[in-house]
Amino acid sequence: MVDEGLTCLLCREPAGIRAPALATDPACGSGHILIEAYNIFREIYLEQGYQRSEIPELILTKNLYGLEICPRA
């Protein structure tokens, strides 16, 4: 279910922009959803012809955001 939801969300691209959407995890804890989103973004960037060496920085600066307010997480 998470994979289907992320795939559906991440496949939507704003018109005229090559970079995929933003994935936000408002209660990221250990980051399992962010890791899956990273892998999906990586595949999208590879399909769009980006160089492997530039993909991690692009994903981490343009596509992923996680927040956790619980200090125990």
Protein backbone atom coordinates (compact mmCIF):
# COMPACT_ATOMS: atom_id res chain seq x y z
CA MET A 1 0.00 0.00 0.00
CA VAL A 2 2.82 2.42 0.81
CA ASP A 3 4.58 1.59 -2.47
CA GLU A 4 1.39 2.23 -4.46
CA GLY A 5 0.77 5.55 -2.70
CA LEU A 6 4.34 6.76 -3.14
CA THR A 7 4.48 5.67 -6.75
CA CYS A 8 1.22 7.46 -7.51
CA LEU A 9 2.40 10.63 -5.75
CA LEU A 10 5.89 10.67 -7.21
CA CYS A 11 4.81 10.09 -10.81
CA ARG A 12 3.04 13.44 -10.88
CA GLU A 13 5.36 16.02 -12.34
CA PRO A 14 4.63 19.77 -12.55
CA ALA A 15 4.43 20.81 -16.20
CA GLY A 16 7.78 21.87 -17.68
CA ILE A 17 9.85 20.69 -14.71
CA ARG A 18 12.09 17.62 -15.05
CA ALA A 19 12.58 17.11 -11.31
CA PRO A 20 10.05 14.87 -9.53
CA ALA A 21 7.77 16.04 -6.74
CA LEU A 22 8.55 16.46 -3.05
CA ALA A 23 8.02 13.57 -0.65
CA THR A 24 7.33 14.61 2.93
CA ASP A 25 7.19 12.30 5.92
CA PRO A 26 5.85 14.34 8.86
CA ALA A 27 6.58 11.58 11.39
CA CYS A 28 9.68 10.02 9.88
CA GLY A 29 11.02 8.10 12.89
CA SER A 30 13.64 5.78 11.41
CA GLY A 31 12.96 6.98 7.86
CA HIS A 32 11.57 3.82 6.27
CA ILE A 33 9.17 5.79 4.05
CA LEU A 34 11.93 8.25 3.13
CA ILE A 35 14.23 5.38 2.12
CA GLU A 36 11.56 3.95 -0.17
CA ALA A 37 10.87 7.41 -1.59
CA TYR A 38 14.62 7.87 -2.21
CA ASN A 39 14.73 4.63 -4.19
CA ILE A 40 11.73 5.66 -6.29
CA PHE A 41 13.21 9.11 -6.95
CA ARG A 42 16.52 7.50 -7.94
CA GLU A 43 14.74 5.39 -10.56
CA ILE A 44 12.86 8.42 -11.88
CA TYR A 45 16.07 10.43 -12.22
CA LEU A 46 17.85 7.52 -13.93
CA GLU A 47 14.97 7.17 -16.42
CA GLN A 48 15.24 10.90 -17.15
CA GLY A 49 18.93 10.55 -18.00
CA TYR A 50 20.60 12.18 -15.00
CA GLN A 51 24.14 11.12 -14.13
CA ARG A 52 24.36 8.62 -11.24
CA SER A 53 26.85 10.85 -9.41
CA GLU A 54 24.49 13.84 -9.27
CA ILE A 55 21.33 11.97 -8.26
CA PRO A 56 21.90 11.66 -4.46
CA GLU A 57 22.42 15.40 -3.98
CA LEU A 58 19.43 16.23 -6.17
CA ILE A 59 17.15 13.91 -4.21
CA LEU A 60 18.34 15.08 -0.80
CA THR A 61 18.11 18.78 -1.64
CA LYS A 62 15.02 18.86 -3.86
CA ASN A 63 12.81 15.87 -3.14
CA LEU A 64 12.88 14.57 0.44
CA TYR A 65 11.82 16.13 3.70
CA GLY A 66 11.34 14.37 7.02
CA LEU A 67 10.35 15.69 10.40
CA GLU A 68 10.08 13.96 13.76
CA ILE A 69 9.03 15.74 16.95
CA CYS A 70 9.13 12.72 19.23
CA PRO A 71 12.56 12.47 20.91
CA ARG A 72 12.10 8.69 21.37
CA ALA A 73 11.83 8.01 17.65
